[in-house]
Amino acid sequence: MVVEKESLEVYKKYWNRLKKITVIWMIAWTVPAIFLQLPANSLKHIEIMGGIPLHWFMAAFVSIVLGISLIFLYAYVMERTDREILGKY
């Protein structure tokens, strides 16, 4: 029974940390993905590739690069969390 109680405590600690990290990461992606695109509107008059506005490409590029970077950082943070709380190496 003691092992189960300790296991339950570890489980709760892990999932609380997981939820916290995930919420922070979602905010870290959502806020820049929305607000970093606002200045890109000033590039609207520049056209590339046969008339497609540059601001459209800039906004998409920023969101994609930021999203991919956050994926790798999230994996790194979660690996550290796994090692710290679950003791997996």
C-alpha atoms as a PDB file:
ATOM      1  CA  MET A   1       0.000   0.000   0.000  1.00  0.00           C
ATOM      2  CA  VAL A   2       2.902   2.371   0.751  1.00  0.00           C
ATOM      3  CA  VAL A   3       4.365   1.798  -2.726  1.00  0.00           C
ATOM      4  CA  GLU A   4       1.040   2.652  -4.332  1.00  0.00           C
ATOM      5  CA  LYS A   5       0.753   5.846  -2.285  1.00  0.00           C
ATOM      6  CA  GLU A   6       4.260   6.963  -3.286  1.00  0.00           C
ATOM      7  CA  SER A   7       3.526   6.060  -6.882  1.00  0.00           C
ATOM      8  CA  LEU A   8       0.331   8.112  -6.793  1.00  0.00           C
ATOM      9  CA  GLU A   9       2.235  11.121  -5.420  1.00  0.00           C
ATOM     10  CA  VAL A  10       4.797  10.856  -8.217  1.00  0.00           C
ATOM     11  CA  TYR A  11       1.983  10.536 -10.761  1.00  0.00           C
ATOM     12  CA  LYS A  12       0.235  13.648  -9.449  1.00  0.00           C
ATOM     13  CA  LYS A  13       3.466  15.647  -9.357  1.00  0.00           C
ATOM     14  CA  TYR A  14       4.342  14.595 -12.910  1.00  0.00           C
ATOM     15  CA  TRP A  15       0.942  15.433 -14.378  1.00  0.00           C
ATOM     16  CA  ASN A  16       0.730  18.773 -12.580  1.00  0.00           C
ATOM     17  CA  ARG A  17       4.130  19.706 -14.000  1.00  0.00           C
ATOM     18  CA  LEU A  18       3.118  18.429 -17.441  1.00  0.00           C
ATOM     19  CA  LYS A  19      -0.032  20.566 -17.493  1.00  0.00           C
ATOM     20  CA  LYS A  20       1.892  23.643 -16.351  1.00  0.00           C
ATOM     21  CA  ILE A  21       4.609  23.214 -18.986  1.00  0.00           C
ATOM     22  CA  THR A  22       2.046  22.584 -21.732  1.00  0.00           C
ATOM     23  CA  VAL A  23       0.014  25.697 -20.887  1.00  0.00           C
ATOM     24  CA  ILE A  24       3.165  27.827 -20.822  1.00  0.00           C
ATOM     25  CA  TRP A  25       4.237  26.407 -24.190  1.00  0.00           C
ATOM     26  CA  MET A  26       0.849  27.036 -25.785  1.00  0.00           C
ATOM     27  CA  ILE A  27       0.952  30.657 -24.623  1.00  0.00           C
ATOM     28  CA  ALA A  28       4.573  30.957 -25.762  1.00  0.00           C
ATOM     29  CA  TRP A  29       3.505  29.921 -29.255  1.00  0.00           C
ATOM     30  CA  THR A  30       0.123  31.650 -29.504  1.00  0.00           C
ATOM     31  CA  VAL A  31       1.124  35.141 -28.417  1.00  0.00           C
ATOM     32  CA  PRO A  32       4.057  35.582 -30.839  1.00  0.00           C
ATOM     33  CA  ALA A  33       2.219  33.759 -33.630  1.00  0.00           C
ATOM     34  CA  ILE A  34      -0.482  36.420 -33.453  1.00  0.00           C
ATOM     35  CA  PHE A  35       1.375  39.576 -32.461  1.00  0.00           C
ATOM     36  CA  LEU A  36       4.585  39.141 -34.472  1.00  0.00           C
ATOM     37  CA  GLN A  37       2.507  39.169 -37.634  1.00  0.00           C
ATOM     38  CA  LEU A  38       1.105  42.643 -37.059  1.00  0.00           C
ATOM     39  CA  PRO A  39       4.270  44.523 -38.155  1.00  0.00           C
ATOM     40  CA  ALA A  40       4.445  42.347 -41.266  1.00  0.00           C
ATOM     41  CA  ASN A  41       1.540  44.347 -42.692  1.00  0.00           C
ATOM     42  CA  SER A  42       3.964  47.176 -43.494  1.00  0.00           C
ATOM     43  CA  LEU A  43       5.502  44.874 -46.153  1.00  0.00           C
ATOM     44  CA  LYS A  44       2.200  44.574 -47.996  1.00  0.00           C
ATOM     45  CA  HIS A  45       3.321  46.696 -50.933  1.00  0.00           C
ATOM     46  CA  ILE A  46       6.288  44.388 -51.749  1.00  0.00           C
ATOM     47  CA  GLU A  47       5.293  41.548 -54.061  1.00  0.00           C
ATOM     48  CA  ILE A  48       7.220  38.360 -54.828  1.00  0.00           C
ATOM     49  CA  MET A  49       6.606  35.257 -56.942  1.00  0.00           C
ATOM     50  CA  GLY A  50       4.305  36.853 -59.459  1.00  0.00           C
ATOM     51  CA  GLY A  51       2.330  39.192 -57.227  1.00  0.00           C
ATOM     52  CA  ILE A  52       2.005  37.443 -53.864  1.00  0.00           C
ATOM     53  CA  PRO A  53       2.466  39.978 -51.026  1.00  0.00           C
ATOM     54  CA  LEU A  54       5.652  39.576 -48.962  1.00  0.00           C
ATOM     55  CA  HIS A  55       3.825  40.116 -45.662  1.00  0.00           C
ATOM     56  CA  TRP A  56       1.924  36.861 -46.159  1.00  0.00           C
ATOM     57  CA  PHE A  57       5.181  34.886 -46.453  1.00  0.00           C
ATOM     58  CA  MET A  58       6.818  36.695 -43.530  1.00  0.00           C
ATOM     59  CA  ALA A  59       3.889  35.984 -41.193  1.00  0.00           C
ATOM     60  CA  ALA A  60       3.772  32.316 -42.158  1.00  0.00           C
ATOM     61  CA  PHE A  61       7.547  31.921 -41.882  1.00  0.00           C
ATOM     62  CA  VAL A  62       7.694  33.404 -38.385  1.00  0.00           C
ATOM     63  CA  SER A  63       4.905  31.133 -37.150  1.00  0.00           C
ATOM     64  CA  ILE A  64       6.443  28.005 -38.635  1.00  0.00           C
ATOM     65  CA  VAL A  65       9.984  28.675 -37.396  1.00  0.00           C
ATOM     66  CA  LEU A  66       8.729  29.573 -33.936  1.00  0.00           C
ATOM     67  CA  GLY A  67       6.522  26.486 -33.808  1.00  0.00           C
ATOM     68  CA  ILE A  68       9.326  24.121 -34.814  1.00  0.00           C
ATOM     69  CA  SER A  69      11.727  25.711 -32.330  1.00  0.00           C
ATOM     70  CA  LEU A  70       9.187  25.342 -29.543  1.00  0.00           C
ATOM     71  CA  ILE A  71       8.667  21.670 -30.411  1.00  0.00           C
ATOM     72  CA  PHE A  72      12.351  20.935 -29.867  1.00  0.00           C
ATOM     73  CA  LEU A  73      12.505  23.027 -26.693  1.00  0.00           C
ATOM     74  CA  TYR A  74       9.376  21.306 -25.361  1.00  0.00           C
ATOM     75  CA  ALA A  75      10.955  17.882 -25.975  1.00  0.00           C
ATOM     76  CA  TYR A  76      14.097  18.983 -24.127  1.00  0.00           C
ATOM     77  CA  VAL A  77      12.146  20.350 -21.141  1.00  0.00           C
ATOM     78  CA  MET A  78       9.960  17.248 -20.950  1.00  0.00           C
ATOM     79  CA  GLU A  79      12.990  14.961 -21.084  1.00  0.00           C
ATOM     80  CA  ARG A  80      14.488  16.828 -18.135  1.00  0.00           C
ATOM     81  CA  THR A  81      11.159  16.570 -16.311  1.00  0.00           C
ATOM     82  CA  ASP A  82      11.002  12.831 -16.971  1.00  0.00           C
ATOM     83  CA  ARG A  83      14.489  12.368 -15.605  1.00  0.00           C
ATOM     84  CA  GLU A  84      13.845  14.539 -12.573  1.00  0.00           C
ATOM     85  CA  ILE A  85      10.466  13.198 -11.512  1.00  0.00           C
ATOM     86  CA  LEU A  86      10.271   9.698 -12.970  1.00  0.00           C
ATOM     87  CA  GLY A  87      13.962   8.908 -12.709  1.00  0.00           C
ATOM     88  CA  LYS A  88      14.234   7.680 -16.292  1.00  0.00           C
ATOM     89  CA  TYR A  89      17.610   7.951 -17.983  1.00  0.00           C
END
